[in-house]
């Protein structure tokens, strides 16, 4: 494990110490966990963006999509526990 130095403003350092104490951990452990959570969040966001880019590229290359009203109705039915046929993609009007 490597060592990294981080300079914190005094008020933030005090807030971290208080939060760590309430969480039952050390300030160091609290900061490591916070960095790990923020890193995981950034990775999930990057994955989400990659999927969105891929899907948009497919729409652009094929010209096909599912109208939002149809997809929304489908998703609402699924949330309600109803079975509903998945909407089919089709050419989008230019």
PDB file of N, CA and C in Angstrom:
ATOM      1  N   UNK A   1       0.856  -1.167   0.000  1.00  0.00           N
ATOM      2  CA  UNK A   1       0.000   0.000   0.000  1.00  0.00           C
ATOM      3  C   UNK A   1       0.902   1.230   0.000  1.00  0.00           C
ATOM      4  N   UNK A   2       0.552   2.200  -0.843  1.00  0.00           N
ATOM      5  CA  UNK A   2       1.353   3.413  -0.905  1.00  0.00           C
ATOM      6  C   UNK A   2       0.776   4.481   0.007  1.00  0.00           C
ATOM      7  N   UNK A   3       1.582   5.480   0.273  1.00  0.00           N
ATOM      8  CA  UNK A   3       1.172   6.595   1.108  1.00  0.00           C
ATOM      9  C   UNK A   3       0.950   7.813   0.229  1.00  0.00           C
ATOM     10  N   UNK A   4      -0.154   8.508   0.479  1.00  0.00           N
ATOM     11  CA  UNK A   4      -0.470   9.740  -0.223  1.00  0.00           C
ATOM     12  C   UNK A   4      -0.752  10.805   0.815  1.00  0.00           C
ATOM     13  N   UNK A   5      -0.233  11.975   0.577  1.00  0.00           N
ATOM     14  CA  UNK A   5      -0.488  13.090   1.481  1.00  0.00           C
ATOM     15  C   UNK A   5      -1.603  13.933   0.898  1.00  0.00           C
ATOM     16  N   UNK A   6      -2.529  14.300   1.756  1.00  0.00           N
ATOM     17  CA  UNK A   6      -3.621  15.165   1.328  1.00  0.00           C
ATOM     18  C   UNK A   6      -3.720  16.321   2.312  1.00  0.00           C
ATOM     19  N   UNK A   7      -3.782  17.511   1.764  1.00  0.00           N
ATOM     20  CA  UNK A   7      -3.902  18.701   2.607  1.00  0.00           C
ATOM     21  C   UNK A   7      -5.373  19.083   2.672  1.00  0.00           C
ATOM     22  N   UNK A   8      -5.891  19.141   3.885  1.00  0.00           N
ATOM     23  CA  UNK A   8      -7.292  19.480   4.086  1.00  0.00           C
ATOM     24  C   UNK A   8      -7.402  20.807   4.823  1.00  0.00           C
ATOM     25  N   UNK A   9      -8.371  21.613   4.452  1.00  0.00           N
ATOM     26  CA  UNK A   9      -8.636  22.798   5.266  1.00  0.00           C
ATOM     27  C   UNK A   9      -9.013  22.354   6.682  1.00  0.00           C
ATOM     28  N   UNK A  10      -8.666  23.168   7.666  1.00  0.00           N
ATOM     29  CA  UNK A  10      -8.913  22.786   9.056  1.00  0.00           C
ATOM     30  C   UNK A  10     -10.376  22.446   9.331  1.00  0.00           C
ATOM     31  N   UNK A  11     -11.298  23.210   8.749  1.00  0.00           N
ATOM     32  CA  UNK A  11     -12.710  22.952   9.011  1.00  0.00           C
ATOM     33  C   UNK A  11     -13.148  21.606   8.420  1.00  0.00           C
ATOM     34  N   UNK A  12     -12.633  21.258   7.245  1.00  0.00           N
ATOM     35  CA  UNK A  12     -12.973  19.967   6.646  1.00  0.00           C
ATOM     36  C   UNK A  12     -12.364  18.826   7.453  1.00  0.00           C
ATOM     37  N   UNK A  13     -11.141  19.011   7.913  1.00  0.00           N
ATOM     38  CA  UNK A  13     -10.482  17.989   8.721  1.00  0.00           C
ATOM     39  C   UNK A  13     -11.295  17.705   9.982  1.00  0.00           C
ATOM     40  N   UNK A  14     -11.817  18.768  10.601  1.00  0.00           N
ATOM     41  CA  UNK A  14     -12.635  18.605  11.809  1.00  0.00           C
ATOM     42  C   UNK A  14     -13.948  17.899  11.475  1.00  0.00           C
ATOM     43  N   UNK A  15     -14.549  18.237  10.353  1.00  0.00           N
ATOM     44  CA  UNK A  15     -15.794  17.583   9.944  1.00  0.00           C
ATOM     45  C   UNK A  15     -15.571  16.101   9.675  1.00  0.00           C
ATOM     46  N   UNK A  16     -14.444  15.777   9.025  1.00  0.00           N
ATOM     47  CA  UNK A  16     -14.116  14.375   8.748  1.00  0.00           C
ATOM     48  C   UNK A  16     -13.920  13.626  10.057  1.00  0.00           C
ATOM     49  N   UNK A  17     -13.196  14.235  10.986  1.00  0.00           N
ATOM     50  CA  UNK A  17     -12.953  13.580  12.275  1.00  0.00           C
ATOM     51  C   UNK A  17     -14.271  13.314  13.003  1.00  0.00           C
ATOM     52  N   UNK A  18     -15.182  14.287  12.992  1.00  0.00           N
ATOM     53  CA  UNK A  18     -16.488  14.103  13.645  1.00  0.00           C
ATOM     54  C   UNK A  18     -17.299  13.011  12.958  1.00  0.00           C
ATOM     55  N   UNK A  19     -17.329  13.048  11.632  1.00  0.00           N
ATOM     56  CA  UNK A  19     -18.094  12.047  10.881  1.00  0.00           C
ATOM     57  C   UNK A  19     -17.520  10.652  11.100  1.00  0.00           C
ATOM     58  N   UNK A  20     -16.205  10.538  11.119  1.00  0.00           N
ATOM     59  CA  UNK A  20     -15.556   9.250  11.333  1.00  0.00           C
ATOM     60  C   UNK A  20     -15.888   8.707  12.720  1.00  0.00           C
ATOM     61  N   UNK A  21     -15.869   9.585  13.696  1.00  0.00           N
ATOM     62  CA  UNK A  21     -16.180   9.170  15.062  1.00  0.00           C
ATOM     63  C   UNK A  21     -17.617   8.651  15.139  1.00  0.00           C
ATOM     64  N   UNK A  22     -18.546   9.371  14.506  1.00  0.00           N
ATOM     65  CA  UNK A  22     -19.943   8.923  14.499  1.00  0.00           C
ATOM     66  C   UNK A  22     -20.093   7.596  13.765  1.00  0.00           C
ATOM     67  N   UNK A  23     -19.286   7.370  12.742  1.00  0.00           N
ATOM     68  CA  UNK A  23     -19.342   6.126  11.969  1.00  0.00           C
ATOM     69  C   UNK A  23     -18.590   4.989  12.656  1.00  0.00           C
ATOM     70  N   UNK A  24     -17.878   5.307  13.718  1.00  0.00           N
ATOM     71  CA  UNK A  24     -17.149   4.276  14.453  1.00  0.00           C
ATOM     72  C   UNK A  24     -15.873   3.832  13.760  1.00  0.00           C
ATOM     73  N   UNK A  25     -15.246   4.744  13.061  1.00  0.00           N
ATOM     74  CA  UNK A  25     -14.012   4.414  12.349  1.00  0.00           C
ATOM     75  C   UNK A  25     -13.007   5.537  12.555  1.00  0.00           C
ATOM     76  N   UNK A  26     -11.845   5.365  11.982  1.00  0.00           N
ATOM     77  CA  UNK A  26     -10.818   6.414  12.069  1.00  0.00           C
ATOM     78  C   UNK A  26     -11.024   7.407  10.925  1.00  0.00           C
ATOM     79  N   UNK A  27     -10.415   8.571  11.067  1.00  0.00           N
ATOM     80  CA  UNK A  27     -10.481   9.563   9.993  1.00  0.00           C
ATOM     81  C   UNK A  27      -9.857   8.988   8.723  1.00  0.00           C
ATOM     82  N   UNK A  28      -8.760   8.273   8.885  1.00  0.00           N
ATOM     83  CA  UNK A  28      -8.100   7.652   7.735  1.00  0.00           C
ATOM     84  C   UNK A  28      -9.040   6.662   7.047  1.00  0.00           C
ATOM     85  N   UNK A  29      -9.635   5.772   7.820  1.00  0.00           N
ATOM     86  CA  UNK A  29     -10.558   4.796   7.267  1.00  0.00           C
ATOM     87  C   UNK A  29     -11.750   5.452   6.601  1.00  0.00           C
ATOM     88  N   UNK A  30     -12.247   6.508   7.214  1.00  0.00           N
ATOM     89  CA  UNK A  30     -13.375   7.239   6.657  1.00  0.00           C
ATOM     90  C   UNK A  30     -13.014   7.845   5.304  1.00  0.00           C
ATOM     91  N   UNK A  31     -11.832   8.445   5.208  1.00  0.00           N
ATOM     92  CA  UNK A  31     -11.406   9.057   3.946  1.00  0.00           C
ATOM     93  C   UNK A  31     -11.147   8.007   2.872  1.00  0.00           C
ATOM     94  N   UNK A  32     -10.544   6.883   3.251  1.00  0.00           N
ATOM     95  CA  UNK A  32     -10.312   5.812   2.270  1.00  0.00           C
ATOM     96  C   UNK A  32     -11.645   5.312   1.722  1.00  0.00           C
ATOM     97  N   UNK A  33     -12.620   5.113   2.615  1.00  0.00           N
ATOM     98  CA  UNK A  33     -13.941   4.652   2.177  1.00  0.00           C
ATOM     99  C   UNK A  33     -14.615   5.699   1.281  1.00  0.00           C
ATOM    100  N   UNK A  34     -14.482   6.964   1.636  1.00  0.00           N
ATOM    101  CA  UNK A  34     -15.072   8.032   0.826  1.00  0.00           C
ATOM    102  C   UNK A  34     -14.444   8.081  -0.565  1.00  0.00           C
ATOM    103  N   UNK A  35     -13.143   7.926  -0.630  1.00  0.00           N
ATOM    104  CA  UNK A  35     -12.456   7.920  -1.928  1.00  0.00           C
ATOM    105  C   UNK A  35     -12.882   6.704  -2.745  1.00  0.00           C
ATOM    106  N   UNK A  36     -13.001   5.552  -2.094  1.00  0.00           N
ATOM    107  CA  UNK A  36     -13.430   4.337  -2.795  1.00  0.00           C
ATOM    108  C   UNK A  36     -14.855   4.508  -3.331  1.00  0.00           C
ATOM    109  N   UNK A  37     -15.744   5.089  -2.529  1.00  0.00           N
ATOM    110  CA  UNK A  37     -17.126   5.311  -2.974  1.00  0.00           C
ATOM    111  C   UNK A  37     -17.171   6.281  -4.152  1.00  0.00           C
ATOM    112  N   UNK A  38     -16.428   7.369  -4.071  1.00  0.00           N
ATOM    113  CA  UNK A  38     -16.413   8.358  -5.149  1.00  0.00           C
ATOM    114  C   UNK A  38     -15.816   7.756  -6.423  1.00  0.00           C
ATOM    115  N   UNK A  39     -14.803   6.927  -6.277  1.00  0.00           N
ATOM    116  CA  UNK A  39     -14.197   6.262  -7.431  1.00  0.00           C
ATOM    117  C   UNK A  39     -15.194   5.307  -8.079  1.00  0.00           C
ATOM    118  N   UNK A  40     -15.895   4.521  -7.278  1.00  0.00           N
ATOM    119  CA  UNK A  40     -16.903   3.597  -7.806  1.00  0.00           C
ATOM    120  C   UNK A  40     -18.011   4.373  -8.517  1.00  0.00           C
ATOM    121  N   UNK A  41     -18.408   5.494  -7.952  1.00  0.00           N
ATOM    122  CA  UNK A  41     -19.436   6.329  -8.570  1.00  0.00           C
ATOM    123  C   UNK A  41     -18.967   6.846  -9.930  1.00  0.00           C
ATOM    124  N   UNK A  42     -17.739   7.310  -9.999  1.00  0.00           N
ATOM    125  CA  UNK A  42     -17.190   7.805 -11.263  1.00  0.00           C
ATOM    126  C   UNK A  42     -17.092   6.681 -12.296  1.00  0.00           C
ATOM    127  N   UNK A  43     -16.723   5.486 -11.850  1.00  0.00           N
ATOM    128  CA  UNK A  43     -16.639   4.340 -12.762  1.00  0.00           C
ATOM    129  C   UNK A  43     -18.021   3.956 -13.290  1.00  0.00           C
ATOM    130  N   UNK A  44     -19.026   3.943 -12.387  1.00  0.00           N
ATOM    131  CA  UNK A  44     -20.391   3.639 -12.828  1.00  0.00           C
ATOM    132  C   UNK A  44     -20.880   4.683 -13.828  1.00  0.00           C
ATOM    133  N   UNK A  45     -20.562   5.942 -13.579  1.00  0.00           N
ATOM    134  CA  UNK A  45     -20.976   7.009 -14.485  1.00  0.00           C
ATOM    135  C   UNK A  45     -20.305   6.842 -15.854  1.00  0.00           C
ATOM    136  N   UNK A  46     -19.037   6.492 -15.848  1.00  0.00           N
ATOM    137  CA  UNK A  46     -18.319   6.271 -17.107  1.00  0.00           C
ATOM    138  C   UNK A  46     -18.933   5.099 -17.863  1.00  0.00           C
ATOM    139  N   UNK A  47     -19.292   4.017 -17.156  1.00  0.00           N
ATOM    140  CA  UNK A  47     -19.948   2.873 -17.790  1.00  0.00           C
ATOM    141  C   UNK A  47     -21.297   3.279 -18.370  1.00  0.00           C
ATOM    142  N   UNK A  48     -22.061   4.059 -17.606  1.00  0.00           N
ATOM    143  CA  UNK A  48     -23.364   4.544 -18.059  1.00  0.00           C
ATOM    144  C   UNK A  48     -23.204   5.389 -19.322  1.00  0.00           C
ATOM    145  N   UNK A  49     -22.238   6.303 -19.302  1.00  0.00           N
ATOM    146  CA  UNK A  49     -21.989   7.157 -20.466  1.00  0.00           C
ATOM    147  C   UNK A  49     -21.583   6.330 -21.683  1.00  0.00           C
ATOM    148  N   UNK A  50     -20.778   5.298 -21.474  1.00  0.00           N
ATOM    149  CA  UNK A  50     -20.347   4.441 -22.586  1.00  0.00           C
ATOM    150  C   UNK A  50     -21.539   3.710 -23.201  1.00  0.00           C
ATOM    151  N   UNK A  51     -22.432   3.204 -22.356  1.00  0.00           N
ATOM    152  CA  UNK A  51     -23.624   2.520 -22.866  1.00  0.00           C
ATOM    153  C   UNK A  51     -24.508   3.517 -23.623  1.00  0.00           C
ATOM    154  N   UNK A  52     -24.676   4.709 -23.060  1.00  0.00           N
ATOM    155  CA  UNK A  52     -25.491   5.727 -23.732  1.00  0.00           C
ATOM    156  C   UNK A  52     -24.891   6.105 -25.078  1.00  0.00           C
ATOM    157  N   UNK A  53     -23.579   6.276 -25.131  1.00  0.00           N
ATOM    158  CA  UNK A  53     -22.919   6.603 -26.399  1.00  0.00           C
ATOM    159  C   UNK A  53     -23.108   5.485 -27.419  1.00  0.00           C
ATOM    160  N   UNK A  54     -22.978   4.249 -26.966  1.00  0.00           N
ATOM    161  CA  UNK A  54     -23.141   3.102 -27.855  1.00  0.00           C
ATOM    162  C   UNK A  54     -24.570   3.029 -28.401  1.00  0.00           C
ATOM    163  N   UNK A  55     -25.539   3.245 -27.525  1.00  0.00           N
ATOM    164  CA  UNK A  55     -26.937   3.198 -27.957  1.00  0.00           C
ATOM    165  C   UNK A  55     -27.258   4.341 -28.914  1.00  0.00           C
ATOM    166  N   UNK A  56     -26.727   5.526 -28.638  1.00  0.00           N
ATOM    167  CA  UNK A  56     -26.970   6.657 -29.528  1.00  0.00           C
ATOM    168  C   UNK A  56     -26.338   6.400 -30.890  1.00  0.00           C
ATOM    169  N   UNK A  57     -25.149   5.826 -30.899  1.00  0.00           N
ATOM    170  CA  UNK A  57     -24.489   5.504 -32.173  1.00  0.00           C
ATOM    171  C   UNK A  57     -25.337   4.512 -32.966  1.00  0.00           C
ATOM    172  N   UNK A  58     -25.965   3.575 -32.285  1.00  0.00           N
ATOM    173  CA  UNK A  58     -26.843   2.616 -32.960  1.00  0.00           C
ATOM    174  C   UNK A  58     -28.049   3.332 -33.558  1.00  0.00           C
ATOM    175  N   UNK A  59     -28.634   4.251 -32.813  1.00  0.00           N
ATOM    176  CA  UNK A  59     -29.774   5.016 -33.325  1.00  0.00           C
ATOM    177  C   UNK A  59     -29.360   5.805 -34.563  1.00  0.00           C
ATOM    178  N   UNK A  60     -28.203   6.456 -34.477  1.00  0.00           N
ATOM    179  CA  UNK A  60     -27.724   7.255 -35.608  1.00  0.00           C
ATOM    180  C   UNK A  60     -27.446   6.363 -36.823  1.00  0.00           C
ATOM    181  N   UNK A  61     -26.825   5.210 -36.607  1.00  0.00           N
ATOM    182  CA  UNK A  61     -26.443   4.366 -37.740  1.00  0.00           C
ATOM    183  C   UNK A  61     -27.627   3.623 -38.355  1.00  0.00           C
ATOM    184  N   UNK A  62     -28.621   3.260 -37.540  1.00  0.00           N
ATOM    185  CA  UNK A  62     -29.761   2.508 -38.071  1.00  0.00           C
ATOM    186  C   UNK A  62     -30.963   3.391 -38.371  1.00  0.00           C
ATOM    187  N   UNK A  63     -31.052   4.539 -37.699  1.00  0.00           N
ATOM    188  CA  UNK A  63     -32.225   5.400 -37.848  1.00  0.00           C
ATOM    189  C   UNK A  63     -33.436   4.890 -37.091  1.00  0.00           C
ATOM    190  N   UNK A  64     -33.231   3.855 -36.258  1.00  0.00           N
ATOM    191  CA  UNK A  64     -34.347   3.259 -35.529  1.00  0.00           C
ATOM    192  C   UNK A  64     -34.304   3.633 -34.051  1.00  0.00           C
ATOM    193  N   UNK A  65     -35.502   3.783 -33.492  1.00  0.00           N
ATOM    194  CA  UNK A  65     -35.633   4.090 -32.077  1.00  0.00           C
ATOM    195  C   UNK A  65     -37.030   3.679 -31.627  1.00  0.00           C
ATOM    196  N   UNK A  66     -37.281   3.794 -30.336  1.00  0.00           N
ATOM    197  CA  UNK A  66     -38.601   3.536 -29.776  1.00  0.00           C
ATOM    198  C   UNK A  66     -39.113   4.865 -29.249  1.00  0.00           C
ATOM    199  N   UNK A  67     -40.294   5.291 -29.677  1.00  0.00           N
ATOM    200  CA  UNK A  67     -40.841   6.553 -29.166  1.00  0.00           C
ATOM    201  C   UNK A  67     -40.959   6.518 -27.644  1.00  0.00           C
ATOM    202  N   UNK A  68     -40.651   7.635 -27.006  1.00  0.00           N
ATOM    203  CA  UNK A  68     -40.631   7.712 -25.552  1.00  0.00           C
ATOM    204  C   UNK A  68     -41.981   7.335 -24.956  1.00  0.00           C
ATOM    205  N   UNK A  69     -43.088   7.788 -25.534  1.00  0.00           N
ATOM    206  CA  UNK A  69     -44.403   7.482 -24.968  1.00  0.00           C
ATOM    207  C   UNK A  69     -44.624   5.970 -24.878  1.00  0.00           C
ATOM    208  N   UNK A  70     -44.210   5.246 -25.906  1.00  0.00           N
ATOM    209  CA  UNK A  70     -44.358   3.787 -25.892  1.00  0.00           C
ATOM    210  C   UNK A  70     -43.443   3.141 -24.853  1.00  0.00           C
ATOM    211  N   UNK A  71     -42.202   3.606 -24.787  1.00  0.00           N
ATOM    212  CA  UNK A  71     -41.260   3.036 -23.818  1.00  0.00           C
ATOM    213  C   UNK A  71     -41.709   3.344 -22.397  1.00  0.00           C
ATOM    214  N   UNK A  72     -42.200   4.546 -22.181  1.00  0.00           N
ATOM    215  CA  UNK A  72     -42.654   4.925 -20.845  1.00  0.00           C
ATOM    216  C   UNK A  72     -43.824   4.044 -20.415  1.00  0.00           C
ATOM    217  N   UNK A  73     -44.789   3.843 -21.299  1.00  0.00           N
ATOM    218  CA  UNK A  73     -45.929   2.972 -20.975  1.00  0.00           C
ATOM    219  C   UNK A  73     -45.454   1.562 -20.646  1.00  0.00           C
ATOM    220  N   UNK A  74     -44.512   1.070 -21.428  1.00  0.00           N
ATOM    221  CA  UNK A  74     -43.951  -0.267 -21.196  1.00  0.00           C
ATOM    222  C   UNK A  74     -43.280  -0.341 -19.830  1.00  0.00           C
ATOM    223  N   UNK A  75     -42.467   0.651 -19.520  1.00  0.00           N
ATOM    224  CA  UNK A  75     -41.759   0.650 -18.233  1.00  0.00           C
ATOM    225  C   UNK A  75     -42.724   0.780 -17.059  1.00  0.00           C
ATOM    226  N   UNK A  76     -43.759   1.616 -17.205  1.00  0.00           N
ATOM    227  CA  UNK A  76     -44.743   1.755 -16.133  1.00  0.00           C
ATOM    228  C   UNK A  76     -45.479   0.441 -15.899  1.00  0.00           C
ATOM    229  N   UNK A  77     -45.789  -0.265 -16.976  1.00  0.00           N
ATOM    230  CA  UNK A  77     -46.441  -1.567 -16.829  1.00  0.00           C
ATOM    231  C   UNK A  77     -45.530  -2.541 -16.110  1.00  0.00           C
ATOM    232  N   UNK A  78     -44.257  -2.538 -16.454  1.00  0.00           N
ATOM    233  CA  UNK A  78     -43.290  -3.438 -15.796  1.00  0.00           C
ATOM    234  C   UNK A  78     -43.161  -3.119 -14.311  1.00  0.00           C
ATOM    235  N   UNK A  79     -43.093  -1.827 -14.002  1.00  0.00           N
ATOM    236  CA  UNK A  79     -42.982  -1.410 -12.595  1.00  0.00           C
ATOM    237  C   UNK A  79     -44.200  -1.874 -11.807  1.00  0.00           C
ATOM    238  N   UNK A  80     -45.370  -1.807 -12.447  1.00  0.00           N
ATOM    239  CA  UNK A  80     -46.614  -2.221 -11.788  1.00  0.00           C
ATOM    240  C   UNK A  80     -46.728  -3.736 -11.682  1.00  0.00           C
ATOM    241  N   UNK A  81     -45.774  -4.456 -12.275  1.00  0.00           N
ATOM    242  CA  UNK A  81     -45.786  -5.913 -12.196  1.00  0.00           C
ATOM    243  C   UNK A  81     -46.567  -6.576 -13.313  1.00  0.00           C
ATOM    244  N   UNK A  82     -46.977  -5.797 -14.297  1.00  0.00           N
ATOM    245  CA  UNK A  82     -47.726  -6.348 -15.427  1.00  0.00           C
ATOM    246  C   UNK A  82     -46.770  -6.806 -16.520  1.00  0.00           C
ATOM    247  N   UNK A  83     -47.180  -7.834 -17.222  1.00  0.00           N
ATOM    248  CA  UNK A  83     -46.391  -8.248 -18.374  1.00  0.00           C
ATOM    249  C   UNK A  83     -46.898  -7.476 -19.580  1.00  0.00           C
ATOM    250  N   UNK A  84     -45.984  -7.044 -20.359  1.00  0.00           N
ATOM    251  CA  UNK A  84     -46.325  -6.243 -21.521  1.00  0.00           C
ATOM    252  C   UNK A  84     -45.304  -6.534 -22.601  1.00  0.00           C
ATOM    253  N   UNK A  85     -45.748  -6.644 -23.847  1.00  0.00           N
ATOM    254  CA  UNK A  85     -44.759  -6.892 -24.900  1.00  0.00           C
ATOM    255  C   UNK A  85     -43.817  -5.688 -25.037  1.00  0.00           C
ATOM    256  N   UNK A  86     -42.575  -5.991 -25.237  1.00  0.00           N
ATOM    257  CA  UNK A  86     -41.577  -4.931 -25.383  1.00  0.00           C
ATOM    258  C   UNK A  86     -41.818  -4.171 -26.692  1.00  0.00           C
ATOM    259  N   UNK A  87     -41.803  -2.845 -26.644  1.00  0.00           N
ATOM    260  CA  UNK A  87     -42.008  -2.078 -27.876  1.00  0.00           C
ATOM    261  C   UNK A  87     -40.908  -2.369 -28.894  1.00  0.00           C
ATOM    262  N   UNK A  88     -41.260  -2.339 -30.141  1.00  0.00           N
ATOM    263  CA  UNK A  88     -40.300  -2.600 -31.216  1.00  0.00           C
ATOM    264  C   UNK A  88     -39.739  -1.283 -31.743  1.00  0.00           C
ATOM    265  N   UNK A  89     -38.457  -1.290 -32.031  1.00  0.00           N
ATOM    266  CA  UNK A  89     -37.856  -0.102 -32.613  1.00  0.00           C
ATOM    267  C   UNK A  89     -38.303   0.033 -34.070  1.00  0.00           C
ATOM    268  N   UNK A  90     -38.308   1.266 -34.521  1.00  0.00           N
ATOM    269  CA  UNK A  90     -38.693   1.524 -35.899  1.00  0.00           C
ATOM    270  C   UNK A  90     -38.006   2.796 -36.368  1.00  0.00           C
ATOM    271  N   UNK A  91     -38.096   3.041 -37.632  1.00  0.00           N
ATOM    272  CA  UNK A  91     -37.450   4.213 -38.208  1.00  0.00           C
ATOM    273  C   UNK A  91     -38.048   5.481 -37.593  1.00  0.00           C
ATOM    274  N   UNK A  92     -37.155   6.391 -37.247  1.00  0.00           N
ATOM    275  CA  UNK A  92     -37.560   7.656 -36.658  1.00  0.00           C
ATOM    276  C   UNK A  92     -37.773   8.659 -37.774  1.00  0.00           C
ATOM    277  N   UNK A  93     -38.830   9.443 -37.661  1.00  0.00           N
ATOM    278  CA  UNK A  93     -39.075  10.463 -38.691  1.00  0.00           C
ATOM    279  C   UNK A  93     -37.941  11.492 -38.650  1.00  0.00           C
ATOM    280  N   UNK A  94     -37.456  11.913 -39.823  1.00  0.00           N
ATOM    281  CA  UNK A  94     -36.336  12.863 -39.861  1.00  0.00           C
ATOM    282  C   UNK A  94     -36.682  14.218 -39.307  1.00  0.00           C
TER     283      UNK A  94
END
